[in-house]
């Protein structure tokens, strides 16, 4: 017979928790900035252009009590102009459906009809936290109270947390609240893991970020980056990548006069890649015209869109 366990009066140790947390919201509310802040590393690219994030990217945060796998999803577009928008919207909603916890991120300066639609589309039966971002840009805090009232009119949220992803204000609190709602279970990733994505994927994303930032509104929406070769040696990573555009005239925009623009894009991307990968990078960048690549879902999947 097993001896009876003696009650020492000490509290039971908390179980280790692990699971997925989806970060969802409309474009340009700071989802990628929040993921990078949580992980402490630049994994998800950022720019002022809507739909900068086009893929599901997982950022891993491992603590003594939990491992959180944050999913940065594309911004949900209320207006779906084509195949790319439809696919990205499905990706965003699927990320929420697959997660153990959902963080809906909104901009503290306004609650829009797009926010309302997203809130109503989020799945029931799992914790949903509302993170109100950019509070450092809201001088009148009464506006935040009004925003919360409007948000709670759409659905019930488990928690409402005002944060600043840019400065880190209350981001640790958001992390604690997410960890407490994850299921008990062992870690899914190694303790030092940062993401589920490959270096090849991260290279393409960083190049695309520089492309967006350099060209701004001049950049055609249907542009992407394809890494054609990625070679790693003990001393160097050689990366050959193509920027894809749909028309010949767009190629000239990206290249710039005398190739100045594409050289600047390559230089800025190489500097960030060396920081991220911790070593020397040789980056060769060129432009290819691929007419209609973003016009149907079959061709989008061929370029890595899920």
C-alpha atoms as a PDB file:
ATOM      1  CA  UNK A   1       0.000   0.000   0.000  1.00  0.00           C
ATOM      2  CA  UNK A   2       1.277   3.461  -0.892  1.00  0.00           C
ATOM      3  CA  UNK A   3       1.821   5.694   2.142  1.00  0.00           C
ATOM      4  CA  UNK A   4      -0.533   8.654   2.467  1.00  0.00           C
ATOM      5  CA  UNK A   5       0.975  11.914   1.262  1.00  0.00           C
ATOM      6  CA  UNK A   6       1.656  14.217   4.167  1.00  0.00           C
ATOM      7  CA  UNK A   7       0.137  17.706   3.970  1.00  0.00           C
ATOM      8  CA  UNK A   8       3.003  20.116   4.542  1.00  0.00           C
ATOM      9  CA  UNK A   9       0.824  23.185   4.140  1.00  0.00           C
ATOM     10  CA  UNK A  10       2.997  24.391   1.231  1.00  0.00           C
ATOM     11  CA  UNK A  11       1.108  25.486  -1.917  1.00  0.00           C
ATOM     12  CA  UNK A  12       1.152  23.204  -4.956  1.00  0.00           C
ATOM     13  CA  UNK A  13       3.693  24.367  -7.556  1.00  0.00           C
ATOM     14  CA  UNK A  14       2.082  25.992 -10.592  1.00  0.00           C
ATOM     15  CA  UNK A  15       2.135  23.770 -13.700  1.00  0.00           C
ATOM     16  CA  UNK A  16       4.264  24.725 -16.690  1.00  0.00           C
ATOM     17  CA  UNK A  17       2.075  26.115 -19.456  1.00  0.00           C
ATOM     18  CA  UNK A  18       2.543  26.153 -23.213  1.00  0.00           C
ATOM     19  CA  UNK A  19       0.430  27.169 -26.173  1.00  0.00           C
ATOM     20  CA  UNK A  20      -0.254  29.478 -29.095  1.00  0.00           C
ATOM     21  CA  UNK A  21      -1.317  33.119 -28.798  1.00  0.00           C
ATOM     22  CA  UNK A  22      -2.670  34.783 -31.953  1.00  0.00           C
ATOM     23  CA  UNK A  23      -2.175  38.533 -32.400  1.00  0.00           C
ATOM     24  CA  UNK A  24      -4.956  39.819 -34.655  1.00  0.00           C
ATOM     25  CA  UNK A  25      -6.303  43.199 -35.730  1.00  0.00           C
ATOM     26  CA  UNK A  26      -6.738  45.522 -38.662  1.00  0.00           C
ATOM     27  CA  UNK A  27      -3.708  46.757 -40.653  1.00  0.00           C
ATOM     28  CA  UNK A  28      -1.267  49.228 -39.078  1.00  0.00           C
ATOM     29  CA  UNK A  29      -2.302  48.820 -35.433  1.00  0.00           C
ATOM     30  CA  UNK A  30       1.177  47.554 -34.430  1.00  0.00           C
ATOM     31  CA  UNK A  31       0.891  43.755 -34.448  1.00  0.00           C
ATOM     32  CA  UNK A  32       4.395  43.196 -35.801  1.00  0.00           C
ATOM     33  CA  UNK A  33       5.889  45.805 -33.471  1.00  0.00           C
ATOM     34  CA  UNK A  34       4.228  44.014 -30.546  1.00  0.00           C
ATOM     35  CA  UNK A  35       5.580  40.612 -31.622  1.00  0.00           C
ATOM     36  CA  UNK A  36       9.104  42.013 -31.936  1.00  0.00           C
ATOM     37  CA  UNK A  37       8.806  43.639 -28.497  1.00  0.00           C
ATOM     38  CA  UNK A  38       7.570  40.417 -26.890  1.00  0.00           C
ATOM     39  CA  UNK A  39      10.322  38.286 -28.399  1.00  0.00           C
ATOM     40  CA  UNK A  40      13.056  40.906 -27.951  1.00  0.00           C
ATOM     41  CA  UNK A  41      14.200  40.431 -31.537  1.00  0.00           C
ATOM     42  CA  UNK A  42      13.141  41.765 -34.936  1.00  0.00           C
ATOM     43  CA  UNK A  43      11.309  38.864 -36.546  1.00  0.00           C
ATOM     44  CA  UNK A  44       8.306  40.515 -38.135  1.00  0.00           C
ATOM     45  CA  UNK A  45       8.800  43.385 -40.566  1.00  0.00           C
ATOM     46  CA  UNK A  46       7.150  46.778 -40.100  1.00  0.00           C
ATOM     47  CA  UNK A  47       6.277  49.748 -42.287  1.00  0.00           C
ATOM     48  CA  UNK A  48       3.527  52.329 -42.704  1.00  0.00           C
ATOM     49  CA  UNK A  49       2.071  50.391 -45.632  1.00  0.00           C
ATOM     50  CA  UNK A  50      -1.095  48.351 -44.949  1.00  0.00           C
ATOM     51  CA  UNK A  51      -0.651  44.581 -45.146  1.00  0.00           C
ATOM     52  CA  UNK A  52       3.100  44.661 -44.611  1.00  0.00           C
ATOM     53  CA  UNK A  53       2.729  41.312 -42.814  1.00  0.00           C
ATOM     54  CA  UNK A  54       1.586  38.695 -45.309  1.00  0.00           C
ATOM     55  CA  UNK A  55       2.498  35.434 -43.583  1.00  0.00           C
ATOM     56  CA  UNK A  56       1.898  33.745 -40.266  1.00  0.00           C
ATOM     57  CA  UNK A  57       5.073  34.221 -38.242  1.00  0.00           C
ATOM     58  CA  UNK A  58       5.560  32.537 -34.876  1.00  0.00           C
ATOM     59  CA  UNK A  59       7.696  34.240 -32.225  1.00  0.00           C
ATOM     60  CA  UNK A  60       8.652  32.099 -29.221  1.00  0.00           C
ATOM     61  CA  UNK A  61       8.885  33.450 -25.664  1.00  0.00           C
ATOM     62  CA  UNK A  62      10.182  30.959 -23.078  1.00  0.00           C
ATOM     63  CA  UNK A  63       9.946  31.755 -19.367  1.00  0.00           C
ATOM     64  CA  UNK A  64      10.423  29.742 -16.202  1.00  0.00           C
ATOM     65  CA  UNK A  65       6.679  29.100 -15.957  1.00  0.00           C
ATOM     66  CA  UNK A  66       5.545  29.023 -19.587  1.00  0.00           C
ATOM     67  CA  UNK A  67       6.377  28.952 -23.265  1.00  0.00           C
ATOM     68  CA  UNK A  68       4.261  31.241 -25.442  1.00  0.00           C
ATOM     69  CA  UNK A  69       4.166  30.834 -29.216  1.00  0.00           C
ATOM     70  CA  UNK A  70       2.935  34.191 -30.535  1.00  0.00           C
ATOM     71  CA  UNK A  71       1.443  34.204 -34.037  1.00  0.00           C
ATOM     72  CA  UNK A  72       1.719  37.493 -35.927  1.00  0.00           C
ATOM     73  CA  UNK A  73      -1.036  37.403 -38.535  1.00  0.00           C
ATOM     74  CA  UNK A  74      -1.791  39.657 -41.527  1.00  0.00           C
ATOM     75  CA  UNK A  75      -4.009  42.650 -40.839  1.00  0.00           C
ATOM     76  CA  UNK A  76      -7.664  41.881 -41.543  1.00  0.00           C
ATOM     77  CA  UNK A  77      -8.909  43.936 -44.514  1.00  0.00           C
ATOM     78  CA  UNK A  78     -12.571  45.004 -44.386  1.00  0.00           C
ATOM     79  CA  UNK A  79     -12.402  45.568 -48.147  1.00  0.00           C
ATOM     80  CA  UNK A  80     -11.123  42.581 -50.102  1.00  0.00           C
ATOM     81  CA  UNK A  81      -9.846  43.864 -53.440  1.00  0.00           C
ATOM     82  CA  UNK A  82      -8.454  40.627 -54.869  1.00  0.00           C
ATOM     83  CA  UNK A  83      -7.032  37.145 -54.346  1.00  0.00           C
ATOM     84  CA  UNK A  84      -4.198  38.373 -52.123  1.00  0.00           C
ATOM     85  CA  UNK A  85      -6.566  40.197 -49.727  1.00  0.00           C
ATOM     86  CA  UNK A  86      -8.918  37.204 -49.524  1.00  0.00           C
ATOM     87  CA  UNK A  87      -6.078  34.817 -48.778  1.00  0.00           C
ATOM     88  CA  UNK A  88      -4.550  37.100 -46.128  1.00  0.00           C
ATOM     89  CA  UNK A  89      -7.911  37.527 -44.380  1.00  0.00           C
ATOM     90  CA  UNK A  90      -8.357  33.761 -44.204  1.00  0.00           C
ATOM     91  CA  UNK A  91      -4.844  33.435 -42.808  1.00  0.00           C
ATOM     92  CA  UNK A  92      -5.630  35.979 -40.067  1.00  0.00           C
ATOM     93  CA  UNK A  93      -8.889  34.320 -39.020  1.00  0.00           C
ATOM     94  CA  UNK A  94      -7.356  30.844 -39.151  1.00  0.00           C
ATOM     95  CA  UNK A  95      -4.567  31.984 -36.815  1.00  0.00           C
ATOM     96  CA  UNK A  96      -7.207  33.016 -34.273  1.00  0.00           C
ATOM     97  CA  UNK A  97      -9.133  29.757 -34.720  1.00  0.00           C
ATOM     98  CA  UNK A  98      -6.001  27.651 -34.130  1.00  0.00           C
ATOM     99  CA  UNK A  99      -4.773  29.549 -31.043  1.00  0.00           C
ATOM    100  CA  UNK A 100      -5.274  28.827 -27.351  1.00  0.00           C
ATOM    101  CA  UNK A 101      -5.466  32.542 -26.557  1.00  0.00           C
ATOM    102  CA  UNK A 102      -6.280  35.490 -28.838  1.00  0.00           C
ATOM    103  CA  UNK A 103      -4.955  39.034 -28.424  1.00  0.00           C
ATOM    104  CA  UNK A 104      -6.961  41.520 -30.440  1.00  0.00           C
ATOM    105  CA  UNK A 105      -4.876  44.646 -30.965  1.00  0.00           C
ATOM    106  CA  UNK A 106      -6.475  47.995 -31.710  1.00  0.00           C
ATOM    107  CA  UNK A 107      -5.208  51.564 -32.048  1.00  0.00           C
ATOM    108  CA  UNK A 108      -5.990  53.609 -28.928  1.00  0.00           C
ATOM    109  CA  UNK A 109      -6.699  56.667 -31.058  1.00  0.00           C
ATOM    110  CA  UNK A 110      -9.876  55.200 -32.605  1.00  0.00           C
ATOM    111  CA  UNK A 111     -12.212  52.196 -32.620  1.00  0.00           C
ATOM    112  CA  UNK A 112     -13.399  51.665 -36.201  1.00  0.00           C
ATOM    113  CA  UNK A 113     -16.014  49.604 -37.996  1.00  0.00           C
ATOM    114  CA  UNK A 114     -13.187  47.319 -39.088  1.00  0.00           C
ATOM    115  CA  UNK A 115     -12.284  46.724 -35.422  1.00  0.00           C
ATOM    116  CA  UNK A 116     -15.931  45.946 -34.681  1.00  0.00           C
ATOM    117  CA  UNK A 117     -16.119  43.421 -37.503  1.00  0.00           C
ATOM    118  CA  UNK A 118     -12.944  41.663 -36.388  1.00  0.00           C
ATOM    119  CA  UNK A 119     -14.144  41.497 -32.769  1.00  0.00           C
ATOM    120  CA  UNK A 120     -17.376  39.804 -33.865  1.00  0.00           C
ATOM    121  CA  UNK A 121     -15.534  37.328 -36.117  1.00  0.00           C
ATOM    122  CA  UNK A 122     -13.167  36.061 -33.406  1.00  0.00           C
ATOM    123  CA  UNK A 123     -13.926  32.545 -32.177  1.00  0.00           C
ATOM    124  CA  UNK A 124     -15.932  31.873 -29.037  1.00  0.00           C
ATOM    125  CA  UNK A 125     -14.861  29.355 -26.437  1.00  0.00           C
ATOM    126  CA  UNK A 126     -11.336  30.648 -25.854  1.00  0.00           C
ATOM    127  CA  UNK A 127      -9.820  33.621 -24.024  1.00  0.00           C
ATOM    128  CA  UNK A 128      -9.791  36.856 -26.031  1.00  0.00           C
ATOM    129  CA  UNK A 129      -7.822  39.814 -24.640  1.00  0.00           C
ATOM    130  CA  UNK A 130      -8.126  43.333 -26.009  1.00  0.00           C
ATOM    131  CA  UNK A 131      -4.794  45.173 -26.121  1.00  0.00           C
ATOM    132  CA  UNK A 132      -5.224  48.892 -26.773  1.00  0.00           C
ATOM    133  CA  UNK A 133      -2.006  49.996 -28.435  1.00  0.00           C
ATOM    134  CA  UNK A 134      -0.339  53.389 -28.958  1.00  0.00           C
ATOM    135  CA  UNK A 135      -1.583  54.800 -25.637  1.00  0.00           C
ATOM    136  CA  UNK A 136       1.491  57.049 -25.602  1.00  0.00           C
ATOM    137  CA  UNK A 137      -0.135  58.895 -28.528  1.00  0.00           C
ATOM    138  CA  UNK A 138      -3.434  59.495 -26.684  1.00  0.00           C
ATOM    139  CA  UNK A 139      -3.313  62.667 -24.593  1.00  0.00           C
ATOM    140  CA  UNK A 140      -6.969  62.577 -23.488  1.00  0.00           C
ATOM    141  CA  UNK A 141      -7.375  59.361 -21.494  1.00  0.00           C
ATOM    142  CA  UNK A 142     -11.170  59.799 -21.507  1.00  0.00           C
ATOM    143  CA  UNK A 143     -10.988  58.709 -25.146  1.00  0.00           C
ATOM    144  CA  UNK A 144      -9.633  55.345 -23.989  1.00  0.00           C
ATOM    145  CA  UNK A 145     -12.616  54.896 -21.647  1.00  0.00           C
ATOM    146  CA  UNK A 146     -15.018  55.606 -24.511  1.00  0.00           C
ATOM    147  CA  UNK A 147     -13.107  53.199 -26.755  1.00  0.00           C
ATOM    148  CA  UNK A 148     -13.363  50.407 -24.174  1.00  0.00           C
ATOM    149  CA  UNK A 149     -17.130  50.957 -23.881  1.00  0.00           C
ATOM    150  CA  UNK A 150     -17.543  50.668 -27.645  1.00  0.00           C
ATOM    151  CA  UNK A 151     -15.347  47.578 -27.786  1.00  0.00           C
ATOM    152  CA  UNK A 152     -17.236  45.841 -24.984  1.00  0.00           C
ATOM    153  CA  UNK A 153     -20.424  46.553 -26.896  1.00  0.00           C
ATOM    154  CA  UNK A 154     -19.184  44.215 -29.639  1.00  0.00           C
ATOM    155  CA  UNK A 155     -18.172  41.288 -27.427  1.00  0.00           C
ATOM    156  CA  UNK A 156     -16.917  40.373 -23.990  1.00  0.00           C
ATOM    157  CA  UNK A 157     -13.152  40.428 -23.528  1.00  0.00           C
ATOM    158  CA  UNK A 158     -11.389  38.448 -20.789  1.00  0.00           C
ATOM    159  CA  UNK A 159      -9.072  41.397 -20.159  1.00  0.00           C
ATOM    160  CA  UNK A 160      -8.566  44.896 -21.532  1.00  0.00           C
ATOM    161  CA  UNK A 161      -4.945  46.086 -21.372  1.00  0.00           C
ATOM    162  CA  UNK A 162      -3.725  49.522 -22.553  1.00  0.00           C
ATOM    163  CA  UNK A 163      -0.173  49.139 -23.915  1.00  0.00           C
ATOM    164  CA  UNK A 164       2.513  50.760 -26.015  1.00  0.00           C
ATOM    165  CA  UNK A 165       4.285  48.229 -28.203  1.00  0.00           C
ATOM    166  CA  UNK A 166       6.744  50.952 -29.227  1.00  0.00           C
ATOM    167  CA  UNK A 167       7.923  51.774 -25.678  1.00  0.00           C
ATOM    168  CA  UNK A 168       7.104  48.458 -24.008  1.00  0.00           C
ATOM    169  CA  UNK A 169       4.661  49.989 -21.522  1.00  0.00           C
ATOM    170  CA  UNK A 170       2.510  47.257 -19.909  1.00  0.00           C
ATOM    171  CA  UNK A 171       3.660  44.675 -22.474  1.00  0.00           C
ATOM    172  CA  UNK A 172       5.006  42.507 -19.627  1.00  0.00           C
ATOM    173  CA  UNK A 173       1.552  42.598 -18.012  1.00  0.00           C
ATOM    174  CA  UNK A 174      -0.007  41.450 -21.292  1.00  0.00           C
ATOM    175  CA  UNK A 175       2.534  38.621 -21.415  1.00  0.00           C
ATOM    176  CA  UNK A 176       1.617  37.531 -17.872  1.00  0.00           C
ATOM    177  CA  UNK A 177      -2.107  37.548 -18.657  1.00  0.00           C
ATOM    178  CA  UNK A 178      -1.581  35.434 -21.781  1.00  0.00           C
ATOM    179  CA  UNK A 179       0.670  32.926 -19.984  1.00  0.00           C
ATOM    180  CA  UNK A 180      -1.884  32.414 -17.202  1.00  0.00           C
ATOM    181  CA  UNK A 181      -4.516  31.366 -19.770  1.00  0.00           C
ATOM    182  CA  UNK A 182      -2.458  28.787 -21.652  1.00  0.00           C
ATOM    183  CA  UNK A 183      -3.085  25.083 -21.100  1.00  0.00           C
ATOM    184  CA  UNK A 184      -0.731  23.131 -18.847  1.00  0.00           C
ATOM    185  CA  UNK A 185       1.810  21.157 -20.828  1.00  0.00           C
ATOM    186  CA  UNK A 186       5.470  20.779 -21.831  1.00  0.00           C
ATOM    187  CA  UNK A 187       7.361  23.220 -24.056  1.00  0.00           C
ATOM    188  CA  UNK A 188       6.949  22.671 -27.796  1.00  0.00           C
ATOM    189  CA  UNK A 189      10.199  24.415 -28.800  1.00  0.00           C
ATOM    190  CA  UNK A 190      13.779  24.480 -27.562  1.00  0.00           C
ATOM    191  CA  UNK A 191      14.329  27.057 -24.774  1.00  0.00           C
ATOM    192  CA  UNK A 192      16.522  29.274 -26.992  1.00  0.00           C
ATOM    193  CA  UNK A 193      14.215  29.154 -30.037  1.00  0.00           C
ATOM    194  CA  UNK A 194      12.939  32.493 -31.339  1.00  0.00           C
ATOM    195  CA  UNK A 195      10.801  31.527 -34.329  1.00  0.00           C
ATOM    196  CA  UNK A 196       9.558  28.649 -36.449  1.00  0.00           C
ATOM    197  CA  UNK A 197      10.709  30.362 -39.645  1.00  0.00           C
ATOM    198  CA  UNK A 198      13.932  29.668 -41.520  1.00  0.00           C
ATOM    199  CA  UNK A 199      16.757  32.130 -42.127  1.00  0.00           C
ATOM    200  CA  UNK A 200      15.833  32.040 -45.816  1.00  0.00           C
ATOM    201  CA  UNK A 201      12.293  33.215 -45.024  1.00  0.00           C
ATOM    202  CA  UNK A 202      13.520  35.952 -42.660  1.00  0.00           C
ATOM    203  CA  UNK A 203      15.915  37.199 -45.333  1.00  0.00           C
ATOM    204  CA  UNK A 204      13.076  37.586 -47.847  1.00  0.00           C
ATOM    205  CA  UNK A 205      10.973  39.439 -45.271  1.00  0.00           C
ATOM    206  CA  UNK A 206      13.724  41.895 -44.334  1.00  0.00           C
ATOM    207  CA  UNK A 207      14.355  42.693 -47.983  1.00  0.00           C
ATOM    208  CA  UNK A 208      10.625  43.270 -48.493  1.00  0.00           C
ATOM    209  CA  UNK A 209      10.568  45.635 -45.517  1.00  0.00           C
ATOM    210  CA  UNK A 210      13.328  47.772 -47.026  1.00  0.00           C
ATOM    211  CA  UNK A 211      11.496  47.715 -50.343  1.00  0.00           C
ATOM    212  CA  UNK A 212       8.320  49.034 -48.693  1.00  0.00           C
ATOM    213  CA  UNK A 213      10.159  51.676 -46.699  1.00  0.00           C
ATOM    214  CA  UNK A 214      12.221  52.944 -49.624  1.00  0.00           C
ATOM    215  CA  UNK A 215       9.418  53.229 -52.148  1.00  0.00           C
ATOM    216  CA  UNK A 216       6.412  54.067 -49.965  1.00  0.00           C
ATOM    217  CA  UNK A 217       3.324  54.739 -52.081  1.00  0.00           C
ATOM    218  CA  UNK A 218       5.345  54.349 -55.283  1.00  0.00           C
ATOM    219  CA  UNK A 219       5.628  50.634 -54.613  1.00  0.00           C
ATOM    220  CA  UNK A 220       3.027  48.502 -56.394  1.00  0.00           C
ATOM    221  CA  UNK A 221       0.896  46.566 -53.909  1.00  0.00           C
ATOM    222  CA  UNK A 222       1.503  43.317 -55.794  1.00  0.00           C
ATOM    223  CA  UNK A 223       5.232  43.117 -55.109  1.00  0.00           C
ATOM    224  CA  UNK A 224       7.098  40.458 -53.172  1.00  0.00           C
ATOM    225  CA  UNK A 225      10.563  38.962 -52.684  1.00  0.00           C
ATOM    226  CA  UNK A 226      11.760  35.483 -53.610  1.00  0.00           C
ATOM    227  CA  UNK A 227      15.082  34.124 -52.324  1.00  0.00           C
ATOM    228  CA  UNK A 228      16.460  32.050 -55.185  1.00  0.00           C
ATOM    229  CA  UNK A 229      19.692  30.932 -53.496  1.00  0.00           C
ATOM    230  CA  UNK A 230      20.747  30.839 -49.853  1.00  0.00           C
ATOM    231  CA  UNK A 231      24.212  29.433 -49.218  1.00  0.00           C
ATOM    232  CA  UNK A 232      25.822  29.251 -45.787  1.00  0.00           C
ATOM    233  CA  UNK A 233      29.541  28.804 -45.065  1.00  0.00           C
ATOM    234  CA  UNK A 234      31.344  29.091 -41.717  1.00  0.00           C
ATOM    235  CA  UNK A 235      32.269  32.699 -42.496  1.00  0.00           C
ATOM    236  CA  UNK A 236      29.546  34.000 -44.823  1.00  0.00           C
ATOM    237  CA  UNK A 237      25.952  33.683 -45.995  1.00  0.00           C
ATOM    238  CA  UNK A 238      25.420  34.298 -49.709  1.00  0.00           C
ATOM    239  CA  UNK A 239      21.879  35.348 -50.575  1.00  0.00           C
ATOM    240  CA  UNK A 240      20.562  35.869 -54.107  1.00  0.00           C
ATOM    241  CA  UNK A 241      17.032  37.299 -54.116  1.00  0.00           C
ATOM    242  CA  UNK A 242      14.566  38.623 -56.682  1.00  0.00           C
ATOM    243  CA  UNK A 243      12.014  41.382 -56.202  1.00  0.00           C
ATOM    244  CA  UNK A 244       8.902  40.396 -58.149  1.00  0.00           C
ATOM    245  CA  UNK A 245       6.732  43.026 -59.837  1.00  0.00           C
ATOM    246  CA  UNK A 246       3.906  42.613 -62.326  1.00  0.00           C
ATOM    247  CA  UNK A 247       4.839  45.121 -65.060  1.00  0.00           C
ATOM    248  CA  UNK A 248       7.994  46.302 -66.793  1.00  0.00           C
ATOM    249  CA  UNK A 249       7.336  49.910 -65.792  1.00  0.00           C
ATOM    250  CA  UNK A 250       7.331  48.881 -62.122  1.00  0.00           C
ATOM    251  CA  UNK A 251      10.778  47.373 -62.527  1.00  0.00           C
ATOM    252  CA  UNK A 252      12.219  50.790 -63.371  1.00  0.00           C
ATOM    253  CA  UNK A 253      10.647  52.248 -60.204  1.00  0.00           C
ATOM    254  CA  UNK A 254      12.327  49.646 -58.013  1.00  0.00           C
ATOM    255  CA  UNK A 255      15.726  49.851 -59.720  1.00  0.00           C
ATOM    256  CA  UNK A 256      15.817  53.666 -59.698  1.00  0.00           C
ATOM    257  CA  UNK A 257      18.078  55.990 -61.670  1.00  0.00           C
ATOM    258  CA  UNK A 258      21.405  54.271 -62.283  1.00  0.00           C
ATOM    259  CA  UNK A 259      20.360  51.431 -59.978  1.00  0.00           C
ATOM    260  CA  UNK A 260      20.579  53.736 -56.937  1.00  0.00           C
ATOM    261  CA  UNK A 261      17.349  52.567 -55.300  1.00  0.00           C
ATOM    262  CA  UNK A 262      17.949  48.857 -55.482  1.00  0.00           C
ATOM    263  CA  UNK A 263      21.493  49.364 -54.178  1.00  0.00           C
ATOM    264  CA  UNK A 264      20.126  51.253 -51.170  1.00  0.00           C
ATOM    265  CA  UNK A 265      17.521  48.549 -50.523  1.00  0.00           C
ATOM    266  CA  UNK A 266      20.224  45.865 -50.676  1.00  0.00           C
ATOM    267  CA  UNK A 267      22.578  47.770 -48.363  1.00  0.00           C
ATOM    268  CA  UNK A 268      19.947  48.396 -45.683  1.00  0.00           C
ATOM    269  CA  UNK A 269      18.688  44.809 -45.870  1.00  0.00           C
ATOM    270  CA  UNK A 270      22.234  43.421 -45.579  1.00  0.00           C
ATOM    271  CA  UNK A 271      22.927  45.483 -42.452  1.00  0.00           C
ATOM    272  CA  UNK A 272      19.765  44.185 -40.737  1.00  0.00           C
ATOM    273  CA  UNK A 273      20.450  40.622 -41.865  1.00  0.00           C
ATOM    274  CA  UNK A 274      23.943  40.689 -40.368  1.00  0.00           C
ATOM    275  CA  UNK A 275      22.458  41.846 -37.057  1.00  0.00           C
ATOM    276  CA  UNK A 276      19.771  39.162 -37.114  1.00  0.00           C
ATOM    277  CA  UNK A 277      21.966  36.280 -38.287  1.00  0.00           C
ATOM    278  CA  UNK A 278      25.063  37.277 -36.337  1.00  0.00           C
ATOM    279  CA  UNK A 279      27.535  37.080 -39.217  1.00  0.00           C
ATOM    280  CA  UNK A 280      28.664  38.447 -42.572  1.00  0.00           C
ATOM    281  CA  UNK A 281      26.155  38.488 -45.439  1.00  0.00           C
ATOM    282  CA  UNK A 282      26.686  38.905 -49.185  1.00  0.00           C
ATOM    283  CA  UNK A 283      23.383  39.988 -50.741  1.00  0.00           C
ATOM    284  CA  UNK A 284      22.720  40.141 -54.471  1.00  0.00           C
ATOM    285  CA  UNK A 285      19.392  41.713 -55.363  1.00  0.00           C
ATOM    286  CA  UNK A 286      17.652  42.057 -58.738  1.00  0.00           C
ATOM    287  CA  UNK A 287      14.141  42.634 -60.139  1.00  0.00           C
ATOM    288  CA  UNK A 288      11.997  40.203 -62.145  1.00  0.00           C
ATOM    289  CA  UNK A 289       8.714  40.846 -63.935  1.00  0.00           C
ATOM    290  CA  UNK A 290       6.108  38.134 -63.210  1.00  0.00           C
ATOM    291  CA  UNK A 291       2.831  39.231 -64.708  1.00  0.00           C
ATOM    292  CA  UNK A 292      -0.251  38.125 -62.763  1.00  0.00           C
ATOM    293  CA  UNK A 293       1.642  36.436 -59.912  1.00  0.00           C
ATOM    294  CA  UNK A 294      -0.770  37.892 -57.312  1.00  0.00           C
ATOM    295  CA  UNK A 295      -3.990  37.492 -59.280  1.00  0.00           C
ATOM    296  CA  UNK A 296      -4.992  33.988 -58.195  1.00  0.00           C
ATOM    297  CA  UNK A 297      -4.517  31.828 -55.121  1.00  0.00           C
ATOM    298  CA  UNK A 298      -2.698  29.023 -56.930  1.00  0.00           C
ATOM    299  CA  UNK A 299       0.139  31.308 -58.014  1.00  0.00           C
ATOM    300  CA  UNK A 300       0.206  32.959 -54.561  1.00  0.00           C
ATOM    301  CA  UNK A 301       0.772  29.581 -52.917  1.00  0.00           C
ATOM    302  CA  UNK A 302       3.618  28.935 -55.331  1.00  0.00           C
ATOM    303  CA  UNK A 303       5.353  31.948 -53.748  1.00  0.00           C
ATOM    304  CA  UNK A 304       4.808  30.773 -50.192  1.00  0.00           C
ATOM    305  CA  UNK A 305       1.475  32.388 -49.345  1.00  0.00           C
ATOM    306  CA  UNK A 306      -0.589  30.039 -47.206  1.00  0.00           C
END
